[in-house]
Amino acid sequence: MRLTVNGEARDVGDGTSLVALLEQLGLPVRSVVVELNGVALVPSEVPAVTLQDSDVLELVRAVAGG
């Protein structure tokens, strides 16, 4: 199936979970803010999400620093 991730098309297998996608991208689940189809997810929602064809994701990695 095809997703749009941060404006770029990406093909993933059917039934791919959001957690699996984040792992494939090398992003730690706890440090990523996720918007799925225009809706910001709270961190507790992320593990339950199974992606669907044509989903649009915006992923922002939270970085601490000074």
Protein backbone atom coordinates (compact mmCIF):
# COMPACT_ATOMS: atom_id res chain seq x y z
CA MET A 1 0.00 0.00 0.00
CA ARG A 2 1.10 3.58 -0.51
CA LEU A 3 1.38 6.22 2.19
CA THR A 4 2.53 9.81 2.18
CA VAL A 5 5.12 10.44 4.88
CA ASN A 6 6.27 14.04 5.36
CA GLY A 7 5.20 14.82 1.81
CA GLU A 8 6.91 11.84 0.16
CA ALA A 9 5.26 8.69 -1.20
CA ARG A 10 6.31 5.48 0.53
CA ASP A 11 5.25 1.90 -0.17
CA VAL A 12 4.75 -0.42 2.80
CA GLY A 13 3.24 -3.85 3.24
CA ASP A 14 -0.45 -4.31 3.92
CA GLY A 15 -1.26 -4.29 7.62
CA THR A 16 1.87 -2.34 8.60
CA SER A 17 1.53 -0.82 12.04
CA LEU A 18 2.56 2.72 12.81
CA VAL A 19 5.12 1.41 15.30
CA ALA A 20 6.64 -0.84 12.60
CA LEU A 21 6.88 2.11 10.21
CA LEU A 22 8.60 4.26 12.82
CA GLU A 23 11.06 1.42 13.49
CA GLN A 24 11.76 1.07 9.73
CA LEU A 25 12.51 4.79 9.61
CA GLY A 26 14.83 4.52 12.61
CA LEU A 27 12.64 6.79 14.73
CA PRO A 28 12.17 6.03 18.43
CA VAL A 29 8.43 5.84 19.11
CA ARG A 30 8.69 7.90 22.28
CA SER A 31 10.41 10.84 20.60
CA VAL A 32 8.14 11.31 17.56
CA VAL A 33 5.04 13.47 17.30
CA VAL A 34 2.64 11.89 14.81
CA GLU A 35 -0.10 13.51 12.77
CA LEU A 36 -2.24 10.98 10.91
CA ASN A 37 -4.58 12.30 8.23
CA GLY A 38 -4.56 15.74 9.80
CA VAL A 39 -5.15 14.57 13.38
CA ALA A 40 -2.40 14.71 16.00
CA LEU A 41 -2.12 11.47 17.94
CA VAL A 42 -1.42 11.29 21.63
CA PRO A 43 1.47 8.92 22.39
CA SER A 44 -0.80 6.29 23.94
CA GLU A 45 -2.70 5.96 20.61
CA VAL A 46 0.36 5.16 18.49
CA PRO A 47 0.73 1.43 19.34
CA ALA A 48 -2.88 0.68 18.31
CA VAL A 49 -2.65 2.23 14.82
CA THR A 50 -2.61 -0.01 11.77
CA LEU A 51 -1.91 2.03 8.66
CA GLN A 52 -4.28 2.09 5.69
CA ASP A 53 -3.69 2.72 1.99
CA SER A 54 -3.47 6.47 1.22
CA ASP A 55 -2.83 7.51 4.84
CA VAL A 56 -0.98 10.80 5.16
CA LEU A 57 1.52 11.08 8.01
CA GLU A 58 3.54 13.99 9.30
CA LEU A 59 6.30 12.86 11.65
CA VAL A 60 8.26 15.30 13.77
CA ARG A 61 11.10 14.13 15.95
CA ALA A 62 11.24 15.90 19.29
CA VAL A 63 14.77 16.96 20.15
CA ALA A 64 15.87 18.26 23.53
CA GLY A 65 18.77 20.58 23.81
CA GLY A 66 19.94 23.92 24.91
